[in-house]
């Protein structure tokens, strides 16, 4: 069961890597109060990509916990 979960997460990561190449890279904002990275163009596509990235990251974290 865990091996299927691993394979699925790997496929999701690969899909995100392909999508990432189509987006602009984030730029560093050197604000003394709140330094951060931001995308130049804020769009629904960028927001959806970032949400998908967060989901895959959470799935990877849960996989690590399942293996322990």
N, C-alpha and C. Protein backbone atom coordinates (compact mmCIF):
# COMPACT_ATOMS: atom_id res chain seq x y z
N UNK A 1 0.83 -1.20 0.00
CA UNK A 1 0.00 0.00 0.00
C UNK A 1 0.87 1.26 0.00
N UNK A 2 1.92 1.26 0.81
CA UNK A 2 2.79 2.43 0.87
C UNK A 2 3.53 2.62 -0.46
N UNK A 3 3.89 1.53 -1.11
CA UNK A 3 4.60 1.66 -2.39
C UNK A 3 3.70 2.31 -3.45
N UNK A 4 2.42 2.01 -3.43
CA UNK A 4 1.48 2.66 -4.36
C UNK A 4 1.39 4.15 -4.05
N UNK A 5 1.35 4.47 -2.78
CA UNK A 5 1.30 5.87 -2.34
C UNK A 5 2.56 6.62 -2.80
N UNK A 6 3.72 5.98 -2.66
CA UNK A 6 4.99 6.57 -3.10
C UNK A 6 4.97 6.85 -4.61
N UNK A 7 4.53 5.86 -5.37
CA UNK A 7 4.49 6.01 -6.83
C UNK A 7 3.57 7.16 -7.23
N UNK A 8 2.44 7.25 -6.57
CA UNK A 8 1.48 8.31 -6.88
C UNK A 8 2.07 9.68 -6.59
N UNK A 9 2.72 9.82 -5.44
CA UNK A 9 3.33 11.10 -5.08
C UNK A 9 4.44 11.45 -6.07
N UNK A 10 5.21 10.46 -6.50
CA UNK A 10 6.26 10.72 -7.49
C UNK A 10 5.69 11.21 -8.81
N UNK A 11 4.56 10.64 -9.23
CA UNK A 11 3.91 11.09 -10.46
C UNK A 11 3.38 12.52 -10.32
N UNK A 12 2.84 12.83 -9.14
CA UNK A 12 2.36 14.19 -8.91
C UNK A 12 3.52 15.18 -8.92
N UNK A 13 4.65 14.80 -8.33
CA UNK A 13 5.83 15.65 -8.34
C UNK A 13 6.31 15.90 -9.76
N UNK A 14 6.33 14.86 -10.57
CA UNK A 14 6.77 15.00 -11.96
C UNK A 14 5.85 15.95 -12.73
N UNK A 15 4.56 15.83 -12.48
CA UNK A 15 3.60 16.73 -13.15
C UNK A 15 3.83 18.18 -12.72
N UNK A 16 4.10 18.39 -11.43
CA UNK A 16 4.36 19.75 -10.95
C UNK A 16 5.65 20.31 -11.55
N UNK A 17 6.66 19.47 -11.70
CA UNK A 17 7.91 19.93 -12.30
C UNK A 17 7.70 20.39 -13.74
N UNK A 18 6.84 19.69 -14.47
CA UNK A 18 6.54 20.11 -15.84
C UNK A 18 5.79 21.43 -15.86
N UNK A 19 4.84 21.59 -14.93
CA UNK A 19 4.07 22.83 -14.87
C UNK A 19 4.95 24.01 -14.44
N UNK A 20 5.90 23.73 -13.56
CA UNK A 20 6.75 24.79 -13.03
C UNK A 20 7.54 25.50 -14.13
N UNK A 21 7.94 24.76 -15.14
CA UNK A 21 8.72 25.35 -16.22
C UNK A 21 7.91 26.37 -17.03
N UNK A 22 6.59 26.32 -16.92
CA UNK A 22 5.74 27.24 -17.68
C UNK A 22 5.42 28.52 -16.90
N UNK A 23 5.82 28.58 -15.63
CA UNK A 23 5.54 29.76 -14.81
C UNK A 23 6.79 30.61 -14.67
N UNK A 24 6.58 31.88 -14.35
CA UNK A 24 7.74 32.74 -14.09
C UNK A 24 8.34 32.40 -12.73
N UNK A 25 9.61 32.66 -12.57
CA UNK A 25 10.28 32.38 -11.30
C UNK A 25 9.94 33.48 -10.30
N UNK A 26 9.85 33.12 -9.02
CA UNK A 26 9.59 34.15 -8.02
C UNK A 26 10.80 35.07 -7.86
N UNK A 27 10.53 36.30 -7.44
CA UNK A 27 11.58 37.29 -7.25
C UNK A 27 11.67 37.60 -5.75
N UNK A 28 12.89 37.82 -5.27
CA UNK A 28 13.08 38.13 -3.86
C UNK A 28 12.74 39.59 -3.60
N UNK A 29 11.89 39.82 -2.61
CA UNK A 29 11.53 41.16 -2.17
C UNK A 29 12.30 41.42 -0.88
N UNK A 30 13.23 42.36 -0.93
CA UNK A 30 14.09 42.62 0.23
C UNK A 30 13.47 43.69 1.12
N UNK A 31 12.38 43.35 1.77
CA UNK A 31 11.70 44.24 2.71
C UNK A 31 12.29 43.97 4.09
N UNK A 32 12.80 44.99 4.79
CA UNK A 32 13.43 44.75 6.09
C UNK A 32 12.47 44.15 7.12
N UNK A 33 11.19 44.45 7.00
CA UNK A 33 10.21 43.91 7.96
C UNK A 33 9.75 42.51 7.60
N UNK A 34 9.72 42.21 6.30
CA UNK A 34 9.17 40.93 5.86
C UNK A 34 9.79 40.51 4.53
N UNK A 35 11.05 40.04 4.55
CA UNK A 35 11.67 39.59 3.29
C UNK A 35 10.96 38.34 2.78
N UNK A 36 10.75 38.27 1.47
CA UNK A 36 9.97 37.16 0.92
C UNK A 36 10.22 37.02 -0.58
N UNK A 37 9.72 35.91 -1.12
CA UNK A 37 9.70 35.69 -2.56
C UNK A 37 8.28 35.88 -3.05
N UNK A 38 8.12 36.55 -4.18
CA UNK A 38 6.81 36.76 -4.80
C UNK A 38 6.92 36.54 -6.30
N UNK A 39 5.85 36.07 -6.88
CA UNK A 39 5.78 35.95 -8.34
C UNK A 39 5.41 37.30 -8.91
N UNK A 40 6.02 37.65 -10.04
CA UNK A 40 5.73 38.94 -10.66
C UNK A 40 4.27 39.03 -11.06
N UNK A 41 3.80 37.98 -11.71
CA UNK A 41 2.42 37.96 -12.17
C UNK A 41 1.59 37.08 -11.24
N UNK A 42 0.63 37.68 -10.57
CA UNK A 42 -0.24 36.92 -9.68
C UNK A 42 -1.50 36.55 -10.46
N UNK A 43 -1.65 35.24 -10.71
CA UNK A 43 -2.80 34.78 -11.49
C UNK A 43 -3.40 33.56 -10.82
N UNK A 44 -4.55 33.16 -11.32
CA UNK A 44 -5.19 31.96 -10.77
C UNK A 44 -4.37 30.71 -11.07
N UNK A 45 -3.64 30.71 -12.18
CA UNK A 45 -2.79 29.56 -12.52
C UNK A 45 -1.65 29.44 -11.51
N UNK A 46 -1.03 30.57 -11.17
CA UNK A 46 0.05 30.56 -10.19
C UNK A 46 -0.48 30.12 -8.83
N UNK A 47 -1.64 30.61 -8.44
CA UNK A 47 -2.23 30.23 -7.15
C UNK A 47 -2.54 28.74 -7.11
N UNK A 48 -3.08 28.21 -8.19
CA UNK A 48 -3.40 26.78 -8.25
C UNK A 48 -2.13 25.94 -8.19
N UNK A 49 -1.08 26.40 -8.88
CA UNK A 49 0.20 25.69 -8.83
C UNK A 49 0.74 25.65 -7.42
N UNK A 50 0.72 26.79 -6.73
CA UNK A 50 1.25 26.85 -5.37
C UNK A 50 0.44 25.97 -4.41
N UNK A 51 -0.87 25.91 -4.62
CA UNK A 51 -1.70 25.03 -3.78
C UNK A 51 -1.36 23.56 -4.05
N UNK A 52 -1.18 23.22 -5.32
CA UNK A 52 -0.81 21.84 -5.66
C UNK A 52 0.55 21.49 -5.08
N UNK A 53 1.48 22.44 -5.11
CA UNK A 53 2.80 22.23 -4.53
C UNK A 53 2.69 21.96 -3.04
N UNK A 54 1.84 22.71 -2.36
CA UNK A 54 1.64 22.52 -0.92
C UNK A 54 1.03 21.15 -0.63
N UNK A 55 0.10 20.71 -1.47
CA UNK A 55 -0.53 19.41 -1.29
C UNK A 55 0.50 18.29 -1.45
N UNK A 56 1.33 18.36 -2.50
CA UNK A 56 2.34 17.33 -2.73
C UNK A 56 3.36 17.33 -1.59
N UNK A 57 3.70 18.50 -1.10
CA UNK A 57 4.61 18.59 0.04
C UNK A 57 4.01 17.91 1.27
N UNK A 58 2.73 18.13 1.51
CA UNK A 58 2.05 17.48 2.64
C UNK A 58 1.98 15.97 2.46
N UNK A 59 1.76 15.53 1.24
CA UNK A 59 1.74 14.09 0.97
C UNK A 59 3.11 13.46 1.23
N UNK A 60 4.17 14.15 0.84
CA UNK A 60 5.52 13.67 1.13
C UNK A 60 5.78 13.60 2.63
N UNK A 61 5.32 14.59 3.36
CA UNK A 61 5.49 14.59 4.82
C UNK A 61 4.72 13.43 5.45
N UNK A 62 3.51 13.19 4.99
CA UNK A 62 2.74 12.07 5.53
C UNK A 62 3.36 10.74 5.19
N UNK A 63 3.99 10.67 4.04
CA UNK A 63 4.69 9.43 3.65
C UNK A 63 5.86 9.16 4.61
N UNK A 64 6.59 10.20 4.97
CA UNK A 64 7.68 10.03 5.91
C UNK A 64 7.15 9.54 7.26
N UNK A 65 6.04 10.10 7.70
CA UNK A 65 5.46 9.67 8.97
C UNK A 65 4.95 8.23 8.91
N UNK A 66 4.39 7.85 7.77
CA UNK A 66 3.91 6.47 7.63
C UNK A 66 5.05 5.45 7.68
N UNK A 67 6.20 5.85 7.16
CA UNK A 67 7.33 4.91 7.13
C UNK A 67 8.02 4.78 8.47
N UNK A 68 7.81 5.71 9.37
CA UNK A 68 8.46 5.66 10.69
C UNK A 68 7.72 4.76 11.65
